[in-house]
Amino acid sequence: MSTLNAAAIRVALAVHDRGQRLATDLRDRGDRGSGVVETIILVAGFAGLAFAVYLAVSSKVHGWIDKIPGASGP
């Protein structure tokens, strides 16, 4: 029975050690490029929002200009 307990303890320690090494490797590696991807997504989102606002405001302004007498030319 003591041999079985010793083997179980060795396996448990090996698994624990492997988990610790994997955790250390992940911490040391970091998030390479995640900041770049997040920045691209944010810029694309704001560009899309700006374009939608431009379209809404542009059509409104053109509508107001068309109502001005003589705005289309002589």
PDB file of N, CA and C in Angstrom:
ATOM      1  N   MET A   1       0.815  -1.193   0.000  1.00  0.00           N
ATOM      2  CA  MET A   1       0.000   0.000   0.000  1.00  0.00           C
ATOM      3  C   MET A   1       0.861   1.260   0.000  1.00  0.00           C
ATOM      4  N   SER A   2       1.987   1.230   0.709  1.00  0.00           N
ATOM      5  CA  SER A   2       2.840   2.413   0.755  1.00  0.00           C
ATOM      6  C   SER A   2       3.457   2.704  -0.610  1.00  0.00           C
ATOM      7  N   THR A   3       3.693   1.671  -1.422  1.00  0.00           N
ATOM      8  CA  THR A   3       4.216   1.874  -2.774  1.00  0.00           C
ATOM      9  C   THR A   3       3.183   2.575  -3.639  1.00  0.00           C
ATOM     10  N   LEU A   4       1.929   2.181  -3.488  1.00  0.00           N
ATOM     11  CA  LEU A   4       0.848   2.818  -4.230  1.00  0.00           C
ATOM     12  C   LEU A   4       0.686   4.283  -3.807  1.00  0.00           C
ATOM     13  N   ASN A   5       0.781   4.544  -2.523  1.00  0.00           N
ATOM     14  CA  ASN A   5       0.693   5.927  -2.029  1.00  0.00           C
ATOM     15  C   ASN A   5       1.851   6.771  -2.539  1.00  0.00           C
ATOM     16  N   ALA A   6       3.043   6.202  -2.527  1.00  0.00           N
ATOM     17  CA  ALA A   6       4.220   6.925  -3.014  1.00  0.00           C
ATOM     18  C   ALA A   6       4.081   7.246  -4.498  1.00  0.00           C
ATOM     19  N   ALA A   7       3.584   6.293  -5.274  1.00  0.00           N
ATOM     20  CA  ALA A   7       3.389   6.524  -6.708  1.00  0.00           C
ATOM     21  C   ALA A   7       2.335   7.602  -6.942  1.00  0.00           C
ATOM     22  N   ALA A   8       1.260   7.562  -6.168  1.00  0.00           N
ATOM     23  CA  ALA A   8       0.203   8.563  -6.313  1.00  0.00           C
ATOM     24  C   ALA A   8       0.716   9.954  -5.948  1.00  0.00           C
ATOM     25  N   ILE A   9       1.527  10.026  -4.919  1.00  0.00           N
ATOM     26  CA  ILE A   9       2.092  11.326  -4.520  1.00  0.00           C
ATOM     27  C   ILE A   9       3.035  11.845  -5.595  1.00  0.00           C
ATOM     28  N   ARG A  10       3.860  10.945  -6.175  1.00  0.00           N
ATOM     29  CA  ARG A  10       4.776  11.364  -7.246  1.00  0.00           C
ATOM     30  C   ARG A  10       4.010  11.873  -8.466  1.00  0.00           C
ATOM     31  N   VAL A  11       2.950  11.183  -8.827  1.00  0.00           N
ATOM     32  CA  VAL A  11       2.134  11.619  -9.977  1.00  0.00           C
ATOM     33  C   VAL A  11       1.490  12.966  -9.677  1.00  0.00           C
ATOM     34  N   ALA A  12       0.960  13.121  -8.480  1.00  0.00           N
ATOM     35  CA  ALA A  12       0.323  14.385  -8.111  1.00  0.00           C
ATOM     36  C   ALA A  12       1.327  15.530  -8.137  1.00  0.00           C
ATOM     37  N   LEU A  13       2.525  15.286  -7.628  1.00  0.00           N
ATOM     38  CA  LEU A  13       3.556  16.325  -7.643  1.00  0.00           C
ATOM     39  C   LEU A  13       4.009  16.651  -9.069  1.00  0.00           C
ATOM     40  N   ALA A  14       4.101  15.630  -9.920  1.00  0.00           N
ATOM     41  CA  ALA A  14       4.491  15.854 -11.311  1.00  0.00           C
ATOM     42  C   ALA A  14       3.443  16.694 -12.038  1.00  0.00           C
ATOM     43  N   VAL A  15       2.176  16.379 -11.814  1.00  0.00           N
ATOM     44  CA  VAL A  15       1.095  17.150 -12.438  1.00  0.00           C
ATOM     45  C   VAL A  15       1.108  18.584 -11.927  1.00  0.00           C
ATOM     46  N   HIS A  16       1.297  18.747 -10.632  1.00  0.00           N
ATOM     47  CA  HIS A  16       1.341  20.089 -10.048  1.00  0.00           C
ATOM     48  C   HIS A  16       2.521  20.881 -10.598  1.00  0.00           C
ATOM     49  N   ASP A  17       3.676  20.249 -10.696  1.00  0.00           N
ATOM     50  CA  ASP A  17       4.867  20.908 -11.218  1.00  0.00           C
ATOM     51  C   ASP A  17       4.660  21.318 -12.670  1.00  0.00           C
ATOM     52  N   ARG A  18       4.067  20.426 -13.449  1.00  0.00           N
ATOM     53  CA  ARG A  18       3.803  20.741 -14.863  1.00  0.00           C
ATOM     54  C   ARG A  18       2.839  21.920 -14.988  1.00  0.00           C
ATOM     55  N   GLY A  19       1.824  21.948 -14.138  1.00  0.00           N
ATOM     56  CA  GLY A  19       0.885  23.066 -14.145  1.00  0.00           C
ATOM     57  C   GLY A  19       1.558  24.377 -13.784  1.00  0.00           C
ATOM     58  N   GLN A  20       2.460  24.325 -12.815  1.00  0.00           N
ATOM     59  CA  GLN A  20       3.190  25.532 -12.429  1.00  0.00           C
ATOM     60  C   GLN A  20       4.080  26.027 -13.569  1.00  0.00           C
ATOM     61  N   ARG A  21       4.734  25.098 -14.263  1.00  0.00           N
ATOM     62  CA  ARG A  21       5.589  25.505 -15.385  1.00  0.00           C
ATOM     63  C   ARG A  21       4.766  26.092 -16.522  1.00  0.00           C
ATOM     64  N   LEU A  22       3.619  25.514 -16.814  1.00  0.00           N
ATOM     65  CA  LEU A  22       2.760  26.062 -17.863  1.00  0.00           C
ATOM     66  C   LEU A  22       2.261  27.451 -17.491  1.00  0.00           C
ATOM     67  N   ALA A  23       1.878  27.637 -16.242  1.00  0.00           N
ATOM     68  CA  ALA A  23       1.407  28.946 -15.785  1.00  0.00           C
ATOM     69  C   ALA A  23       2.518  29.980 -15.890  1.00  0.00           C
ATOM     70  N   THR A  24       3.736  29.600 -15.543  1.00  0.00           N
ATOM     71  CA  THR A  24       4.871  30.520 -15.643  1.00  0.00           C
ATOM     72  C   THR A  24       5.151  30.868 -17.094  1.00  0.00           C
ATOM     73  N   ASP A  25       5.092  29.884 -17.973  1.00  0.00           N
ATOM     74  CA  ASP A  25       5.313  30.141 -19.396  1.00  0.00           C
ATOM     75  C   ASP A  25       4.269  31.097 -19.955  1.00  0.00           C
ATOM     76  N   LEU A  26       3.020  30.916 -19.564  1.00  0.00           N
ATOM     77  CA  LEU A  26       1.959  31.796 -20.053  1.00  0.00           C
ATOM     78  C   LEU A  26       2.122  33.218 -19.525  1.00  0.00           C
ATOM     79  N   ARG A  27       2.533  33.350 -18.269  1.00  0.00           N
ATOM     80  CA  ARG A  27       2.747  34.683 -17.697  1.00  0.00           C
ATOM     81  C   ARG A  27       3.897  35.390 -18.384  1.00  0.00           C
ATOM     82  N   ASP A  28       4.965  34.674 -18.683  1.00  0.00           N
ATOM     83  CA  ASP A  28       6.138  35.281 -19.296  1.00  0.00           C
ATOM     84  C   ASP A  28       5.907  35.646 -20.750  1.00  0.00           C
ATOM     85  N   ARG A  29       5.063  34.881 -21.417  1.00  0.00           N
ATOM     86  CA  ARG A  29       4.828  35.123 -22.841  1.00  0.00           C
ATOM     87  C   ARG A  29       4.048  36.403 -23.071  1.00  0.00           C
ATOM     88  N   GLY A  30       3.059  36.677 -22.255  1.00  0.00           N
ATOM     89  CA  GLY A  30       2.268  37.890 -22.399  1.00  0.00           C
ATOM     90  C   GLY A  30       1.293  37.824 -23.564  1.00  0.00           C
ATOM     91  N   ASP A  31       0.624  38.927 -23.802  1.00  0.00           N
ATOM     92  CA  ASP A  31      -0.339  39.028 -24.902  1.00  0.00           C
ATOM     93  C   ASP A  31       0.295  39.794 -26.047  1.00  0.00           C
ATOM     94  N   ARG A  32       0.989  39.087 -26.884  1.00  0.00           N
ATOM     95  CA  ARG A  32       1.630  39.757 -28.011  1.00  0.00           C
ATOM     96  C   ARG A  32       0.591  40.125 -29.052  1.00  0.00           C
ATOM     97  N   GLY A  33       0.550  41.405 -29.409  1.00  0.00           N
ATOM     98  CA  GLY A  33      -0.323  41.860 -30.474  1.00  0.00           C
ATOM     99  C   GLY A  33      -1.752  42.112 -30.074  1.00  0.00           C
ATOM    100  N   SER A  34      -2.140  41.819 -28.859  1.00  0.00           N
ATOM    101  CA  SER A  34      -3.537  42.029 -28.501  1.00  0.00           C
ATOM    102  C   SER A  34      -3.869  43.513 -28.475  1.00  0.00           C
ATOM    103  N   GLY A  35      -2.926  44.351 -28.079  1.00  0.00           N
ATOM    104  CA  GLY A  35      -3.162  45.793 -28.067  1.00  0.00           C
ATOM    105  C   GLY A  35      -3.374  46.333 -29.474  1.00  0.00           C
ATOM    106  N   VAL A  36      -2.643  45.785 -30.435  1.00  0.00           N
ATOM    107  CA  VAL A  36      -2.767  46.224 -31.823  1.00  0.00           C
ATOM    108  C   VAL A  36      -4.143  45.856 -32.364  1.00  0.00           C
ATOM    109  N   VAL A  37      -4.572  44.642 -32.114  1.00  0.00           N
ATOM    110  CA  VAL A  37      -5.877  44.191 -32.603  1.00  0.00           C
ATOM    111  C   VAL A  37      -6.996  45.016 -31.980  1.00  0.00           C
ATOM    112  N   GLU A  38      -6.918  45.249 -30.681  1.00  0.00           N
ATOM    113  CA  GLU A  38      -7.944  46.057 -30.016  1.00  0.00           C
ATOM    114  C   GLU A  38      -7.972  47.470 -30.582  1.00  0.00           C
ATOM    115  N   THR A  39      -6.809  48.044 -30.863  1.00  0.00           N
ATOM    116  CA  THR A  39      -6.741  49.392 -31.425  1.00  0.00           C
ATOM    117  C   THR A  39      -7.368  49.430 -32.813  1.00  0.00           C
ATOM    118  N   ILE A  40      -7.090  48.430 -33.633  1.00  0.00           N
ATOM    119  CA  ILE A  40      -7.664  48.385 -34.980  1.00  0.00           C
ATOM    120  C   ILE A  40      -9.184  48.281 -34.905  1.00  0.00           C
ATOM    121  N   ILE A  41      -9.688  47.455 -34.000  1.00  0.00           N
ATOM    122  CA  ILE A  41     -11.138  47.313 -33.852  1.00  0.00           C
ATOM    123  C   ILE A  41     -11.762  48.625 -33.400  1.00  0.00           C
ATOM    124  N   LEU A  42     -11.135  49.305 -32.447  1.00  0.00           N
ATOM    125  CA  LEU A  42     -11.669  50.582 -31.970  1.00  0.00           C
ATOM    126  C   LEU A  42     -11.662  51.634 -33.074  1.00  0.00           C
ATOM    127  N   VAL A  43     -10.559  51.728 -33.813  1.00  0.00           N
ATOM    128  CA  VAL A  43     -10.469  52.718 -34.891  1.00  0.00           C
ATOM    129  C   VAL A  43     -11.506  52.429 -35.969  1.00  0.00           C
ATOM    130  N   ALA A  44     -11.664  51.168 -36.335  1.00  0.00           N
ATOM    131  CA  ALA A  44     -12.662  50.819 -37.350  1.00  0.00           C
ATOM    132  C   ALA A  44     -14.071  51.119 -36.860  1.00  0.00           C
ATOM    133  N   GLY A  45     -14.340  50.859 -35.600  1.00  0.00           N
ATOM    134  CA  GLY A  45     -15.661  51.159 -35.043  1.00  0.00           C
ATOM    135  C   GLY A  45     -15.959  52.644 -35.047  1.00  0.00           C
ATOM    136  N   PHE A  46     -14.994  53.442 -34.607  1.00  0.00           N
ATOM    137  CA  PHE A  46     -15.203  54.890 -34.597  1.00  0.00           C
ATOM    138  C   PHE A  46     -15.287  55.451 -36.009  1.00  0.00           C
ATOM    139  N   ALA A  47     -14.549  54.883 -36.956  1.00  0.00           N
ATOM    140  CA  ALA A  47     -14.638  55.332 -38.347  1.00  0.00           C
ATOM    141  C   ALA A  47     -16.030  55.037 -38.904  1.00  0.00           C
ATOM    142  N   GLY A  48     -16.564  53.872 -38.598  1.00  0.00           N
ATOM    143  CA  GLY A  48     -17.918  53.545 -39.047  1.00  0.00           C
ATOM    144  C   GLY A  48     -18.956  54.461 -38.427  1.00  0.00           C
ATOM    145  N   LEU A  49     -18.801  54.750 -37.148  1.00  0.00           N
ATOM    146  CA  LEU A  49     -19.712  55.663 -36.468  1.00  0.00           C
ATOM    147  C   LEU A  49     -19.620  57.065 -37.053  1.00  0.00           C
ATOM    148  N   ALA A  50     -18.405  57.533 -37.314  1.00  0.00           N
ATOM    149  CA  ALA A  50     -18.221  58.851 -37.903  1.00  0.00           C
ATOM    150  C   ALA A  50     -18.854  58.924 -39.297  1.00  0.00           C
ATOM    151  N   PHE A  51     -18.731  57.863 -40.067  1.00  0.00           N
ATOM    152  CA  PHE A  51     -19.328  57.841 -41.403  1.00  0.00           C
ATOM    153  C   PHE A  51     -20.853  57.881 -41.322  1.00  0.00           C
ATOM    154  N   ALA A  52     -21.424  57.152 -40.385  1.00  0.00           N
ATOM    155  CA  ALA A  52     -22.881  57.164 -40.220  1.00  0.00           C
ATOM    156  C   ALA A  52     -23.368  58.553 -39.798  1.00  0.00           C
ATOM    157  N   VAL A  53     -22.639  59.193 -38.897  1.00  0.00           N
ATOM    158  CA  VAL A  53     -23.012  60.556 -38.476  1.00  0.00           C
ATOM    159  C   VAL A  53     -22.873  61.518 -39.648  1.00  0.00           C
ATOM    160  N   TYR A  54     -21.808  61.369 -40.426  1.00  0.00           N
ATOM    161  CA  TYR A  54     -21.613  62.225 -41.600  1.00  0.00           C
ATOM    162  C   TYR A  54     -22.771  62.087 -42.586  1.00  0.00           C
ATOM    163  N   LEU A  55     -23.186  60.849 -42.845  1.00  0.00           N
ATOM    164  CA  LEU A  55     -24.295  60.650 -43.780  1.00  0.00           C
ATOM    165  C   LEU A  55     -25.578  61.285 -43.269  1.00  0.00           C
ATOM    166  N   ALA A  56     -25.847  61.135 -41.980  1.00  0.00           N
ATOM    167  CA  ALA A  56     -27.064  61.700 -41.408  1.00  0.00           C
ATOM    168  C   ALA A  56     -27.036  63.225 -41.452  1.00  0.00           C
ATOM    169  N   VAL A  57     -25.928  63.801 -41.063  1.00  0.00           N
ATOM    170  CA  VAL A  57     -25.822  65.268 -41.015  1.00  0.00           C
ATOM    171  C   VAL A  57     -25.747  65.839 -42.425  1.00  0.00           C
ATOM    172  N   SER A  58     -25.047  65.175 -43.317  1.00  0.00           N
ATOM    173  CA  SER A  58     -24.890  65.672 -44.686  1.00  0.00           C
ATOM    174  C   SER A  58     -26.239  65.784 -45.391  1.00  0.00           C
ATOM    175  N   SER A  59     -27.058  64.753 -45.283  1.00  0.00           N
ATOM    176  CA  SER A  59     -28.357  64.818 -45.956  1.00  0.00           C
ATOM    177  C   SER A  59     -29.229  65.913 -45.335  1.00  0.00           C
ATOM    178  N   LYS A  60     -29.128  66.087 -44.028  1.00  0.00           N
ATOM    179  CA  LYS A  60     -29.906  67.132 -43.360  1.00  0.00           C
ATOM    180  C   LYS A  60     -29.454  68.514 -43.829  1.00  0.00           C
ATOM    181  N   VAL A  61     -28.150  68.729 -43.897  1.00  0.00           N
ATOM    182  CA  VAL A  61     -27.614  70.031 -44.322  1.00  0.00           C
ATOM    183  C   VAL A  61     -27.976  70.306 -45.776  1.00  0.00           C
ATOM    184  N   HIS A  62     -27.865  69.311 -46.635  1.00  0.00           N
ATOM    185  CA  HIS A  62     -28.238  69.513 -48.044  1.00  0.00           C
ATOM    186  C   HIS A  62     -29.725  69.836 -48.173  1.00  0.00           C
ATOM    187  N   GLY A  63     -30.542  69.232 -47.335  1.00  0.00           N
ATOM    188  CA  GLY A  63     -31.970  69.553 -47.333  1.00  0.00           C
ATOM    189  C   GLY A  63     -32.217  70.999 -46.928  1.00  0.00           C
ATOM    190  N   TRP A  64     -31.493  71.475 -45.940  1.00  0.00           N
ATOM    191  CA  TRP A  64     -31.640  72.871 -45.518  1.00  0.00           C
ATOM    192  C   TRP A  64     -31.148  73.829 -46.611  1.00  0.00           C
ATOM    193  N   ILE A  65     -30.038  73.477 -47.264  1.00  0.00           N
ATOM    194  CA  ILE A  65     -29.492  74.343 -48.311  1.00  0.00           C
ATOM    195  C   ILE A  65     -30.454  74.406 -49.487  1.00  0.00           C
ATOM    196  N   ASP A  66     -31.080  73.284 -49.828  1.00  0.00           N
ATOM    197  CA  ASP A  66     -32.022  73.265 -50.945  1.00  0.00           C
ATOM    198  C   ASP A  66     -33.247  74.141 -50.680  1.00  0.00           C
ATOM    199  N   LYS A  67     -33.591  74.392 -49.428  1.00  0.00           N
ATOM    200  CA  LYS A  67     -34.737  75.228 -49.077  1.00  0.00           C
ATOM    201  C   LYS A  67     -34.429  76.716 -49.183  1.00  0.00           C
ATOM    202  N   ILE A  68     -33.161  77.087 -49.238  1.00  0.00           N
ATOM    203  CA  ILE A  68     -32.773  78.500 -49.326  1.00  0.00           C
ATOM    204  C   ILE A  68     -33.045  78.981 -50.749  1.00  0.00           C
ATOM    205  N   PRO A  69     -33.799  80.093 -50.902  1.00  0.00           N
ATOM    206  CA  PRO A  69     -34.065  80.597 -52.257  1.00  0.00           C
ATOM    207  C   PRO A  69     -32.776  81.093 -52.919  1.00  0.00           C
ATOM    208  N   GLY A  70     -32.571  80.679 -54.123  1.00  0.00           N
ATOM    209  CA  GLY A  70     -31.391  81.097 -54.887  1.00  0.00           C
ATOM    210  C   GLY A  70     -30.154  80.326 -54.511  1.00  0.00           C
ATOM    211  N   ALA A  71     -30.234  79.282 -53.684  1.00  0.00           N
ATOM    212  CA  ALA A  71     -29.044  78.555 -53.277  1.00  0.00           C
ATOM    213  C   ALA A  71     -28.514  77.661 -54.410  1.00  0.00           C
ATOM    214  N   SER A  72     -29.378  77.302 -55.348  1.00  0.00           N
ATOM    215  CA  SER A  72     -28.939  76.408 -56.410  1.00  0.00           C
ATOM    216  C   SER A  72     -28.268  77.139 -57.559  1.00  0.00           C
ATOM    217  N   GLY A  73     -28.212  78.433 -57.506  1.00  0.00           N
ATOM    218  CA  GLY A  73     -27.543  79.205 -58.563  1.00  0.00           C
ATOM    219  C   GLY A  73     -28.471  80.245 -59.160  1.00  0.00           C
ATOM    220  N   PRO A  74     -27.930  81.062 -60.070  1.00  0.00           N
ATOM    221  CA  PRO A  74     -28.750  82.145 -60.664  1.00  0.00           C
ATOM    222  C   PRO A  74     -29.801  81.641 -61.630  1.00  0.00           C
TER     223      PRO A  74
END
